[in-house]
Amino acid sequence: MTATHTVLYVAPSVDAAADAVAALERAADGLDVDATDSAAVVRERAPTVDCVVYEEPAHDGAGETRPTRATVVDACAAPPVGGERTPIVLRAATTDPAAARRLEGIDGYVRRTDDPSEWTHLATQIEWACGADGGANDDPRDAGAEPIEERGATLEREHERLTALFENVPAPTVRYQFVDDDPIVRDVNDRFEAVFGYDRDDVVGENVDDYIVPPDLESDAARLNEKLLSGEPIQAVGRRRTADGDRDFVIDVVPVEVGERSLEGFSIYTDITEQKRRERELVAQNERLDEFATIVGHDLRNPLSVARGYLEVAEETGDPAAFREIEAAHDRMSGLLEKLLALAREGAVIDDPEPLSLHEAANRAWNAVEIDTRPTPALELEDDAVLEADRDRLLEVLENLIRNAVEHGNGNESEIDEAITVRIGATETGFFVADDGAGIPEADRSAVFDSGYTTAENGTGFGLAIVEGIADAHGWTVTVSASRDGGARFEFDGSRADETQPELANVDGPEPPRGDR
């Protein structure tokens, strides 16, 4: 407001009068508001104030003591000798805007709604009705200004255009107002409801941060609010909480008053979750390529040197043992290359997941793994589950874990006295693969998924890294612990499917035998 204006708010009830005083004085610093529901007070006070606001009652309850619109118009009329009439702003729920401004004695109009911004609109109407320089009876028509009725109509059209723009912004948008330094939601558009999953009725009037700021980002949100209060436009990238979980957004916040303390503004959220996911995949892929190059340059050098050395011996002596060593070195390199190729594709986007039977996949994986140890290991299947997975990658996970259990289950002992038993079954949120072998020391469990980690003399150290990569690609969490029999237990969380699926997909290949080989 450009100056202080005295306002008499004519309300249909005492409670409405008190509410109006509080709301108007919050909406504008330059208003000195009194309110009444008495016709006698209107007749007495109307000629002495800068503007009268008449709130039309929802039902006709006016009588001798309650003011009507006619009472207010008469009280605000110009005195017989000298002086000017007092301008009137009508606040009504049902009157047509154009018709309202044609009513005799009415200078401005505001539609009565539940939208808190209505009070700001009303404060602007009061200022215009009072005159741009703040005089109580200055008529803007005298200075060639736009008539009050026309300016009110213009304001109404602008309000409707802004409302349409707000609703049609293609990104989720929040209109906020700071109350006691808390960003309170005044409105949200339809895209906000669709993307964030919160109903407008639930969030309007609430602290927006309580709904959309993850707990670990509360301090960042507080710093953001400090900048907004200072009137600083902001663009930031961050996570925000939706009804379906956290997502990544570009956050554009525009205060109503730029460059000075501003209590109101708009926040626009552009969803970049998929873009961030692709960026993370690209970073992971580049890291895998670096790792691939390092391993090729380092790990293949040893068996290649061995093969070259024995080739010289074979050329000089013709010793059959030298040729066997060359063959073993070649087998070693072949195994390394197979693992490296699997590692290079471990984080690739998986094919469309489908509902698969854990038992069926476990049996097929068990049948696919070549096992040369004696005594013959055994497979025990516990509770079945429906998993949501890429079938080929799931088989790869199970095959790696079965091979790991069979080859490393007895530690580094050269003589195996007891057969290893591998157990596979369902958990509440996924599945597990466990064995009764030597287990993994607790101190080493954090490193077992690192590429190249192995305790075996001839191990590649890639099998468990591949397992973790495939789990990550599915969005699962894999952990390692001790099994109930003292061996290793790998547990996959988040892998169970919606078991209301109509049918399970078949795992390709012939039906393998179950249990012991």
Protein backbone atom coordinates (compact mmCIF):
# COMPACT_ATOMS: atom_id res chain seq x y z
CA MET A 1 0.00 0.00 0.00
CA THR A 2 1.24 3.51 -0.80
CA ALA A 3 -0.39 5.21 2.24
CA THR A 4 -2.44 4.38 5.30
CA HIS A 5 -6.17 4.06 4.57
CA THR A 6 -8.96 3.86 7.10
CA VAL A 7 -11.44 1.15 6.25
CA LEU A 8 -14.82 0.22 7.71
CA TYR A 9 -15.59 -3.44 7.03
CA VAL A 10 -19.32 -4.15 7.15
CA ALA A 11 -19.80 -7.83 8.00
CA PRO A 12 -22.87 -10.04 8.37
CA SER A 13 -21.80 -11.19 11.87
CA VAL A 14 -19.48 -10.35 14.74
CA ASP A 15 -17.27 -13.37 14.02
CA ALA A 16 -17.00 -12.47 10.34
CA ALA A 17 -16.08 -8.92 11.31
CA ALA A 18 -13.21 -10.06 13.55
CA ASP A 19 -11.89 -12.47 10.92
CA ALA A 20 -11.97 -9.77 8.25
CA VAL A 21 -9.97 -7.30 10.35
CA ALA A 22 -7.22 -9.86 10.95
CA ALA A 23 -7.09 -11.04 7.32
CA LEU A 24 -7.02 -7.57 5.78
CA GLU A 25 -4.34 -6.24 8.10
CA ARG A 26 -2.21 -9.31 7.29
CA ALA A 27 -2.70 -8.72 3.56
CA ALA A 28 -1.49 -5.11 3.61
CA ASP A 29 0.52 -3.03 6.05
CA GLY A 30 -1.17 0.23 5.01
CA LEU A 31 -4.69 -0.51 6.23
CA ASP A 32 -6.33 0.60 9.46
CA VAL A 33 -9.43 -1.59 9.61
CA ASP A 34 -12.48 -1.42 11.86
CA ALA A 35 -15.42 -3.76 11.41
CA THR A 36 -19.07 -3.75 12.36
CA ASP A 37 -22.30 -5.64 11.80
CA SER A 38 -24.46 -2.71 12.97
CA ALA A 39 -26.48 -0.47 10.62
CA ALA A 40 -26.27 2.38 13.14
CA VAL A 41 -22.48 2.24 13.21
CA VAL A 42 -22.38 2.21 9.40
CA ARG A 43 -24.47 5.42 9.24
CA GLU A 44 -22.22 7.06 11.80
CA ARG A 45 -18.79 5.95 10.56
CA ALA A 46 -19.12 5.64 6.79
CA PRO A 47 -18.66 9.39 6.06
CA THR A 48 -15.48 9.49 8.21
CA VAL A 49 -13.41 6.69 6.62
CA ASP A 50 -11.52 6.38 3.35
CA CYS A 51 -13.38 3.27 2.14
CA VAL A 52 -16.19 0.93 3.14
CA VAL A 53 -16.13 -2.79 2.33
CA TYR A 54 -19.55 -4.39 2.32
CA GLU A 55 -19.64 -8.19 2.66
CA GLU A 56 -22.92 -9.34 1.25
CA PRO A 57 -24.45 -12.05 3.48
CA ALA A 58 -25.03 -15.50 2.04
CA HIS A 59 -28.68 -15.34 3.15
CA ASP A 60 -30.98 -12.39 3.69
CA GLY A 61 -30.70 -11.93 7.42
CA ALA A 62 -30.60 -8.13 7.50
CA GLY A 63 -33.17 -6.17 9.43
CA GLU A 64 -33.40 -2.91 11.29
CA THR A 65 -30.09 -3.51 13.09
CA ARG A 66 -28.20 -5.38 10.33
CA PRO A 67 -26.97 -3.26 7.42
CA THR A 68 -28.12 -3.94 3.86
CA ARG A 69 -26.36 -2.87 0.69
CA ALA A 70 -28.88 -0.04 0.36
CA THR A 71 -28.04 1.08 3.91
CA VAL A 72 -24.33 1.18 3.10
CA VAL A 73 -24.84 3.03 -0.21
CA ASP A 74 -27.01 5.65 1.52
CA ALA A 75 -24.50 6.09 4.34
CA CYS A 76 -21.63 6.58 1.88
CA ALA A 77 -23.47 9.09 -0.33
CA ALA A 78 -22.09 12.63 -0.62
CA PRO A 79 -23.49 15.09 1.97
CA PRO A 80 -25.96 17.71 0.71
CA VAL A 81 -23.47 20.54 1.13
CA GLY A 82 -19.78 20.00 0.18
CA GLY A 83 -17.70 16.87 0.63
CA GLU A 84 -17.39 13.69 -1.40
CA ARG A 85 -19.00 10.28 -1.22
CA THR A 86 -17.13 7.40 0.43
CA PRO A 87 -16.13 4.65 -2.06
CA ILE A 88 -17.56 1.15 -1.55
CA VAL A 89 -15.99 -2.23 -2.40
CA LEU A 90 -18.48 -5.10 -2.58
CA ARG A 91 -17.40 -8.57 -1.43
CA ALA A 92 -19.91 -11.23 -2.48
CA ALA A 93 -19.98 -14.91 -3.33
CA THR A 94 -22.53 -15.06 -6.15
CA THR A 95 -22.76 -11.66 -7.82
CA ASP A 96 -21.52 -11.56 -11.40
CA PRO A 97 -18.40 -9.30 -11.57
CA ALA A 98 -19.66 -7.20 -14.47
CA ALA A 99 -23.11 -6.87 -12.91
CA ALA A 100 -21.59 -5.95 -9.53
CA ARG A 101 -19.69 -3.03 -10.97
CA ARG A 102 -22.85 -1.69 -12.59
CA LEU A 103 -24.64 -1.53 -9.22
CA GLU A 104 -25.34 2.00 -8.09
CA GLY A 105 -22.78 3.21 -5.54
CA ILE A 106 -20.39 0.24 -5.94
CA ASP A 107 -16.82 1.16 -6.89
CA GLY A 108 -15.02 -2.17 -6.67
CA TYR A 109 -15.76 -5.87 -6.41
CA VAL A 110 -14.07 -9.00 -5.04
CA ARG A 111 -15.53 -12.48 -5.25
CA ARG A 112 -15.75 -14.18 -1.85
CA THR A 113 -13.87 -17.51 -1.93
CA ASP A 114 -11.77 -19.70 0.36
CA ASP A 115 -8.57 -18.63 -1.43
CA PRO A 116 -6.33 -16.63 0.95
CA SER A 117 -5.08 -14.54 -2.01
CA GLU A 118 -8.54 -12.96 -2.13
CA TRP A 119 -7.54 -10.67 0.76
CA THR A 120 -4.57 -9.32 -1.18
CA HIS A 121 -6.91 -8.73 -4.10
CA LEU A 122 -9.33 -6.94 -1.78
CA ALA A 123 -6.55 -4.74 -0.36
CA THR A 124 -5.63 -3.67 -3.90
CA GLN A 125 -9.27 -2.87 -4.68
CA ILE A 126 -9.41 -0.69 -1.55
CA GLU A 127 -6.31 1.23 -2.57
CA TRP A 128 -7.67 1.88 -6.04
CA ALA A 129 -11.05 2.88 -4.65
CA CYS A 130 -9.38 5.35 -2.30
CA GLY A 131 -7.29 6.94 -5.06
CA ALA A 132 -3.64 6.46 -6.01
CA ASP A 133 -2.31 9.24 -3.73
CA GLY A 134 -4.11 8.01 -0.64
CA GLY A 135 -6.65 10.81 -0.27
CA ALA A 136 -9.93 9.70 1.20
CA ASN A 137 -12.08 11.30 -1.47
CA ASP A 138 -9.68 11.74 -4.40
CA ASP A 139 -11.49 10.54 -7.51
CA PRO A 140 -9.08 9.12 -10.07
CA ARG A 141 -11.48 10.19 -12.79
CA ASP A 142 -10.51 13.81 -12.02
CA ALA A 143 -6.92 13.14 -13.13
CA GLY A 144 -7.95 11.34 -16.28
CA ALA A 145 -7.23 7.96 -14.68
CA GLU A 146 -9.03 4.78 -15.62
CA PRO A 147 -12.44 4.68 -13.90
CA ILE A 148 -12.55 2.55 -10.78
CA GLU A 149 -15.12 0.21 -12.31
CA GLU A 150 -12.92 -0.39 -15.35
CA ARG A 151 -9.81 -0.88 -13.24
CA GLY A 152 -11.67 -3.40 -11.10
CA ALA A 153 -12.71 -5.28 -14.22
CA THR A 154 -9.10 -5.21 -15.45
CA LEU A 155 -7.90 -6.57 -12.12
CA GLU A 156 -10.48 -9.36 -12.27
CA ARG A 157 -9.32 -10.34 -15.75
CA GLU A 158 -5.68 -10.28 -14.67
CA HIS A 159 -6.52 -12.44 -11.67
CA GLU A 160 -8.31 -14.95 -13.89
CA ARG A 161 -5.37 -15.02 -16.33
CA LEU A 162 -2.89 -15.60 -13.53
CA THR A 163 -5.07 -18.36 -12.12
CA ALA A 164 -5.26 -20.04 -15.54
CA LEU A 165 -1.49 -19.69 -15.97
CA PHE A 166 -0.88 -21.23 -12.54
CA GLU A 167 -3.13 -24.19 -13.30
CA ASN A 168 -1.61 -24.76 -16.75
CA VAL A 169 2.08 -24.64 -15.83
CA PRO A 170 3.31 -28.05 -17.11
CA ALA A 171 5.45 -28.62 -13.99
CA PRO A 172 4.30 -29.11 -10.38
CA THR A 173 3.86 -25.64 -8.85
CA VAL A 174 3.21 -24.42 -5.30
CA ARG A 175 2.07 -20.95 -4.26
CA TYR A 176 3.41 -20.32 -0.77
CA GLN A 177 3.27 -17.68 1.92
CA PHE A 178 5.66 -17.43 4.85
CA VAL A 179 3.93 -17.43 8.23
CA ASP A 180 6.27 -17.24 11.22
CA ASP A 181 9.11 -18.14 8.81
CA ASP A 182 7.36 -21.34 7.72
CA PRO A 183 6.45 -21.75 4.00
CA ILE A 184 2.70 -22.37 4.14
CA VAL A 185 0.96 -23.75 1.05
CA ARG A 186 -1.71 -21.42 -0.33
CA ASP A 187 -2.39 -23.41 -3.47
CA VAL A 188 -0.97 -26.14 -5.72
CA ASN A 189 -1.71 -26.89 -9.35
CA ASP A 190 -2.97 -30.15 -10.84
CA ARG A 191 0.53 -31.27 -11.89
CA PHE A 192 1.68 -31.05 -8.28
CA GLU A 193 -1.10 -33.43 -7.25
CA ALA A 194 -0.23 -35.81 -10.11
CA VAL A 195 3.56 -35.89 -9.60
CA PHE A 196 3.83 -35.59 -5.82
CA GLY A 197 0.71 -37.64 -5.07
CA TYR A 198 -0.68 -35.28 -2.39
CA ASP A 199 -4.23 -33.90 -2.60
CA ARG A 200 -4.64 -30.14 -2.70
CA ASP A 201 -7.04 -30.24 0.28
CA ASP A 202 -4.43 -32.06 2.37
CA VAL A 203 -1.52 -29.68 1.80
CA VAL A 204 -3.16 -26.24 1.54
CA GLY A 205 -2.59 -24.45 4.83
CA GLU A 206 0.27 -26.79 5.77
CA ASN A 207 4.05 -26.33 5.85
CA VAL A 208 5.15 -27.52 2.41
CA ASP A 209 8.51 -28.73 3.80
CA ASP A 210 6.74 -31.18 6.11
CA TYR A 211 5.42 -32.98 3.04
CA ILE A 212 8.15 -32.83 0.41
CA VAL A 213 11.54 -32.37 2.12
CA PRO A 214 13.33 -35.64 3.03
CA PRO A 215 14.51 -35.74 6.67
CA ASP A 216 18.18 -35.67 5.68
CA LEU A 217 17.69 -32.43 3.71
CA GLU A 218 15.86 -30.36 6.33
CA SER A 219 18.90 -28.12 7.01
CA ASP A 220 19.29 -27.45 3.27
CA ALA A 221 15.61 -26.51 3.04
CA ALA A 222 16.01 -24.11 5.97
CA ARG A 223 18.86 -22.31 4.18
CA LEU A 224 16.73 -22.14 1.04
CA ASN A 225 13.88 -20.54 3.00
CA GLU A 226 16.23 -17.87 4.37
CA LYS A 227 17.17 -16.86 0.83
CA LEU A 228 13.52 -16.78 -0.22
CA LEU A 229 12.57 -14.50 2.66
CA SER A 230 15.21 -12.04 1.48
CA GLY A 231 13.53 -11.86 -1.93
CA GLU A 232 16.21 -13.81 -3.78
CA PRO A 233 15.12 -15.93 -6.80
CA ILE A 234 16.60 -19.41 -6.56
CA GLN A 235 17.29 -22.33 -8.86
CA ALA A 236 18.57 -25.52 -7.25
CA VAL A 237 18.76 -29.24 -7.94
CA GLY A 238 17.70 -31.55 -5.16
CA ARG A 239 15.68 -34.49 -3.96
CA ARG A 240 12.11 -34.05 -2.85
CA ARG A 241 9.77 -36.57 -1.26
CA THR A 242 6.64 -37.69 -3.09
CA ALA A 243 3.95 -40.09 -1.96
CA ASP A 244 5.79 -42.81 -3.95
CA GLY A 245 9.31 -42.02 -2.72
CA ASP A 246 12.11 -39.54 -3.35
CA ARG A 247 12.63 -38.04 -6.81
CA ASP A 248 15.11 -35.54 -8.28
CA PHE A 249 13.94 -32.06 -9.29
CA VAL A 250 15.19 -28.76 -10.62
CA ILE A 251 13.61 -26.33 -8.15
CA ASP A 252 12.85 -22.78 -9.36
CA VAL A 253 11.56 -20.45 -6.65
CA VAL A 254 10.36 -16.95 -7.50
CA PRO A 255 9.37 -14.53 -4.70
CA VAL A 256 6.59 -12.04 -5.42
CA GLU A 257 8.83 -9.15 -4.34
CA VAL A 258 12.35 -9.54 -5.76
CA GLY A 259 15.22 -7.85 -3.96
CA GLU A 260 13.40 -7.17 -0.69
CA ARG A 261 11.83 -9.18 2.09
CA SER A 262 9.08 -11.22 0.46
CA LEU A 263 6.54 -13.41 2.23
CA GLU A 264 4.94 -14.86 -0.89
CA GLY A 265 6.10 -16.63 -4.02
CA PHE A 266 5.94 -19.63 -6.31
CA SER A 267 7.97 -22.85 -6.37
CA ILE A 268 8.17 -24.82 -9.63
CA TYR A 269 9.50 -28.40 -9.62
CA THR A 270 10.84 -29.93 -12.85
CA ASP A 271 11.21 -33.70 -12.51
CA ILE A 272 14.67 -34.85 -13.67
CA THR A 273 14.68 -38.26 -11.98
CA GLU A 274 15.22 -40.18 -15.23
CA GLN A 275 17.94 -37.78 -16.35
CA LYS A 276 19.79 -38.20 -13.05
CA ARG A 277 19.41 -41.98 -13.30
CA ARG A 278 20.97 -41.94 -16.77
CA GLU A 279 23.78 -39.72 -15.51
CA ARG A 280 24.49 -42.16 -12.67
CA GLU A 281 24.46 -45.08 -15.12
CA LEU A 282 26.90 -43.25 -17.39
CA VAL A 283 29.25 -42.55 -14.48
CA ALA A 284 29.04 -46.20 -13.41
CA GLN A 285 29.69 -47.36 -16.96
CA ASN A 286 32.76 -45.14 -17.26
CA GLU A 287 34.03 -46.48 -13.95
CA ARG A 288 33.55 -50.04 -15.19
CA LEU A 289 35.43 -49.26 -18.41
CA ASP A 290 38.32 -47.85 -16.37
CA GLU A 291 38.24 -50.94 -14.20
CA PHE A 292 38.09 -53.17 -17.26
CA ALA A 293 41.16 -51.52 -18.77
CA THR A 294 43.07 -51.79 -15.49
CA ILE A 295 42.28 -55.47 -15.07
CA VAL A 296 43.09 -56.29 -18.70
CA GLY A 297 46.42 -54.51 -18.35
CA HIS A 298 47.30 -56.12 -15.03
CA ASP A 299 45.60 -59.47 -14.45
CA LEU A 300 46.08 -60.85 -17.95
CA ARG A 301 49.78 -60.01 -17.90
CA ASN A 302 50.63 -62.81 -15.45
CA PRO A 303 49.13 -65.81 -17.31
CA LEU A 304 50.37 -64.34 -20.60
CA SER A 305 53.92 -64.19 -19.22
CA VAL A 306 53.59 -67.76 -17.94
CA ALA A 307 52.43 -68.99 -21.34
CA ARG A 308 55.27 -67.17 -23.11
CA GLY A 309 57.84 -68.62 -20.69
CA TYR A 310 56.63 -72.20 -21.11
CA LEU A 311 56.42 -71.73 -24.88
CA GLU A 312 60.18 -71.02 -24.90
CA VAL A 313 60.76 -74.15 -22.79
CA ALA A 314 58.57 -76.22 -25.13
CA GLU A 315 60.41 -74.94 -28.20
CA GLU A 316 63.76 -75.84 -26.64
CA THR A 317 62.91 -79.19 -25.01
CA GLY A 318 59.62 -80.41 -26.43
CA ASP A 319 58.60 -81.33 -22.86
CA PRO A 320 54.86 -82.25 -22.83
CA ALA A 321 54.58 -80.75 -19.34
CA ALA A 322 55.42 -77.32 -20.83
CA PHE A 323 52.52 -77.63 -23.26
CA ARG A 324 50.17 -78.50 -20.40
CA GLU A 325 51.29 -75.36 -18.55
CA ILE A 326 50.68 -73.29 -21.69
CA GLU A 327 47.19 -74.79 -21.97
CA ALA A 328 46.49 -74.02 -18.30
CA ALA A 329 47.61 -70.41 -18.80
CA HIS A 330 45.31 -70.10 -21.80
CA ASP A 331 42.41 -71.51 -19.78
CA ARG A 332 43.17 -68.98 -17.08
CA MET A 333 43.08 -66.12 -19.60
CA SER A 334 39.87 -67.44 -21.13
CA GLY A 335 38.21 -67.52 -17.72
CA LEU A 336 39.39 -64.01 -16.95
CA LEU A 337 38.01 -62.69 -20.24
CA GLU A 338 34.61 -64.30 -19.64
CA LYS A 339 34.41 -62.70 -16.20
CA LEU A 340 35.58 -59.35 -17.52
CA LEU A 341 32.90 -59.32 -20.19
CA ALA A 342 30.27 -60.15 -17.59
CA LEU A 343 31.63 -57.41 -15.33
CA ALA A 344 31.59 -54.89 -18.19
CA ARG A 345 27.86 -55.44 -18.74
CA GLU A 346 26.86 -55.86 -15.10
CA GLY A 347 25.37 -52.39 -14.73
CA ALA A 348 23.69 -52.30 -18.12
CA VAL A 349 19.99 -51.57 -18.16
CA ILE A 350 18.25 -54.84 -17.52
CA ASP A 351 15.63 -56.24 -19.87
CA ASP A 352 12.02 -55.94 -18.82
CA PRO A 353 11.65 -57.72 -15.47
CA GLU A 354 8.98 -60.38 -15.23
CA PRO A 355 7.54 -62.57 -12.47
CA LEU A 356 9.71 -65.66 -12.03
CA SER A 357 9.64 -68.62 -9.66
CA LEU A 358 12.63 -68.67 -7.32
CA HIS A 359 12.59 -72.48 -7.17
CA GLU A 360 12.54 -72.87 -10.94
CA ALA A 361 15.38 -70.40 -11.42
CA ALA A 362 17.42 -72.03 -8.64
CA ASN A 363 17.09 -75.48 -10.18
CA ARG A 364 18.12 -74.24 -13.62
CA ALA A 365 21.12 -72.38 -12.22
CA TRP A 366 22.16 -75.44 -10.22
CA ASN A 367 21.95 -77.59 -13.33
CA ALA A 368 24.03 -75.10 -15.35
CA VAL A 369 27.03 -74.90 -12.99
CA GLU A 370 29.82 -77.41 -13.69
CA ILE A 371 30.83 -79.00 -10.40
CA ASP A 372 33.88 -81.24 -10.21
CA THR A 373 34.28 -81.47 -6.43
CA ARG A 374 33.81 -84.61 -4.38
CA PRO A 375 31.84 -85.39 -2.28
CA THR A 376 29.05 -84.08 -4.52
CA PRO A 377 27.43 -80.92 -3.11
CA ALA A 378 23.69 -80.75 -2.51
CA LEU A 379 20.94 -78.18 -3.17
CA GLU A 380 18.13 -77.62 -0.66
CA LEU A 381 15.16 -75.46 -1.64
CA GLU A 382 13.19 -73.77 1.13
CA ASP A 383 10.17 -71.45 0.71
CA ASP A 384 9.43 -70.44 -2.88
CA ALA A 385 8.74 -66.82 -3.93
CA VAL A 386 7.71 -64.86 -6.99
CA LEU A 387 10.58 -62.56 -8.01
CA GLU A 388 10.41 -59.58 -10.37
CA ALA A 389 13.60 -60.00 -12.39
CA ASP A 390 15.37 -60.20 -15.74
CA ARG A 391 15.51 -63.99 -16.12
CA ASP A 392 19.02 -64.18 -17.62
CA ARG A 393 20.51 -61.87 -15.01
CA LEU A 394 18.78 -63.73 -12.17
CA LEU A 395 20.26 -67.00 -13.40
CA GLU A 396 23.66 -65.30 -13.56
CA VAL A 397 23.33 -64.23 -9.91
CA LEU A 398 22.36 -67.72 -8.75
CA GLU A 399 25.06 -69.43 -10.82
CA ASN A 400 27.78 -67.16 -9.42
CA LEU A 401 26.65 -67.73 -5.84
CA ILE A 402 26.36 -71.50 -6.30
CA ARG A 403 29.82 -71.63 -7.88
CA ASN A 404 31.21 -69.43 -5.09
CA ALA A 405 29.76 -71.72 -2.42
CA VAL A 406 31.01 -74.92 -4.04
CA GLU A 407 34.50 -73.65 -4.90
CA HIS A 408 35.18 -71.67 -1.72
CA GLY A 409 32.86 -73.28 0.80
CA ASN A 410 35.66 -75.35 2.38
CA GLY A 411 38.07 -72.45 2.54
CA ASN A 412 41.49 -73.16 0.99
CA GLU A 413 41.64 -76.80 2.11
CA SER A 414 42.97 -79.03 -0.64
CA GLU A 415 41.29 -82.09 0.83
CA ILE A 416 37.52 -81.76 1.05
CA ASP A 417 36.03 -84.11 3.58
CA GLU A 418 32.43 -82.88 3.73
CA ALA A 419 29.95 -82.08 0.97
CA ILE A 420 28.74 -78.51 0.76
CA THR A 421 25.00 -77.91 0.99
CA VAL A 422 23.57 -74.83 -0.73
CA ARG A 423 20.21 -73.55 0.52
CA ILE A 424 18.02 -71.18 -1.51
CA GLY A 425 14.73 -69.78 -0.26
CA ALA A 426 12.42 -66.81 0.16
CA THR A 427 12.56 -64.03 2.72
CA GLU A 428 9.81 -61.56 3.56
CA THR A 429 11.10 -59.05 0.99
CA GLY A 430 13.24 -61.15 -1.36
CA PHE A 431 15.38 -64.28 -1.31
CA PHE A 432 18.63 -65.71 0.07
CA VAL A 433 21.41 -68.08 -0.97
CA ALA A 434 23.30 -69.73 1.90
CA ASP A 435 25.77 -72.56 2.43
CA ASP A 436 27.24 -74.53 5.32
CA GLY A 437 30.87 -74.01 4.32
CA ALA A 438 33.69 -72.08 5.94
CA GLY A 439 31.87 -68.74 5.68
CA ILE A 440 33.31 -65.25 5.22
CA PRO A 441 35.08 -63.56 8.15
CA GLU A 442 33.13 -60.54 9.39
CA ALA A 443 36.11 -58.27 8.77
CA ASP A 444 36.15 -59.24 5.08
CA ARG A 445 32.42 -58.93 4.35
CA SER A 446 32.57 -55.28 3.34
CA ALA A 447 35.16 -56.11 0.67
CA VAL A 448 33.74 -59.29 -0.88
CA PHE A 449 31.85 -57.36 -3.59
CA ASP A 450 34.95 -55.44 -4.72
CA SER A 451 36.23 -56.39 -8.15
CA GLY A 452 39.29 -58.60 -7.90
CA TYR A 453 38.67 -59.66 -4.28
CA THR A 454 39.38 -63.37 -3.84
CA THR A 455 40.86 -65.73 -1.27
CA ALA A 456 41.50 -68.54 -3.77
CA GLU A 457 44.85 -68.99 -5.48
CA ASN A 458 43.25 -69.25 -8.92
CA GLY A 459 40.15 -67.10 -8.29
CA THR A 460 39.30 -64.13 -10.52
CA GLY A 461 37.61 -62.08 -7.80
CA PHE A 462 34.84 -60.95 -10.18
CA GLY A 463 31.95 -63.30 -9.35
CA LEU A 464 30.54 -61.40 -6.36
CA ALA A 465 31.17 -58.02 -8.02
CA ILE A 466 28.96 -59.21 -10.87
CA VAL A 467 26.30 -60.32 -8.36
CA GLU A 468 26.21 -56.90 -6.72
CA GLY A 469 26.09 -55.12 -10.09
CA ILE A 470 23.10 -57.14 -11.23
CA ALA A 471 21.33 -56.56 -7.92
CA ASP A 472 21.92 -52.80 -8.25
CA ALA A 473 20.57 -52.81 -11.80
CA HIS A 474 17.33 -54.35 -10.46
CA GLY A 475 17.13 -51.91 -7.57
CA TRP A 476 17.75 -54.67 -5.02
CA THR A 477 19.96 -54.48 -1.94
CA VAL A 478 22.36 -57.38 -1.37
CA THR A 479 24.02 -58.07 1.98
CA VAL A 480 26.32 -60.83 3.25
CA SER A 481 26.25 -62.40 6.71
CA ALA A 482 26.80 -65.73 8.44
CA SER A 483 24.35 -68.51 7.68
CA ARG A 484 22.67 -70.56 10.40
CA ASP A 485 25.18 -73.34 9.67
CA GLY A 486 28.21 -71.06 9.94
CA GLY A 487 28.72 -70.59 6.21
CA ALA A 488 27.97 -67.56 4.03
CA ARG A 489 24.49 -66.14 3.49
CA PHE A 490 23.67 -63.64 0.72
CA GLU A 491 20.32 -61.91 1.08
CA PHE A 492 18.54 -59.85 -1.61
CA ASP A 493 16.04 -57.27 -0.39
CA GLY A 494 13.38 -55.73 -2.64
CA SER A 495 13.26 -58.52 -5.20
CA ARG A 496 9.81 -59.98 -4.48
CA ALA A 497 7.10 -59.27 -7.03
CA ASP A 498 3.44 -58.49 -6.58
CA GLU A 499 2.19 -62.02 -6.11
CA THR A 500 -1.18 -61.10 -7.59
CA GLN A 501 0.47 -61.49 -11.00
CA PRO A 502 -1.82 -63.63 -13.18
CA GLU A 503 0.89 -66.09 -14.23
CA LEU A 504 4.61 -66.73 -13.95
CA ALA A 505 6.98 -66.48 -16.87
CA ASN A 506 8.86 -69.64 -17.81
CA VAL A 507 12.61 -69.75 -17.41
CA ASP A 508 14.08 -70.87 -20.73
CA GLY A 509 15.65 -74.30 -21.07
CA PRO A 510 14.77 -77.90 -20.22
CA GLU A 511 13.56 -78.73 -16.75
CA PRO A 512 16.62 -79.59 -14.63
CA PRO A 513 16.73 -82.22 -11.88
CA ARG A 514 16.09 -80.97 -8.33
CA GLY A 515 18.15 -81.55 -5.21
CA ASP A 516 21.40 -83.52 -5.19
CA ARG A 517 23.15 -84.17 -8.48
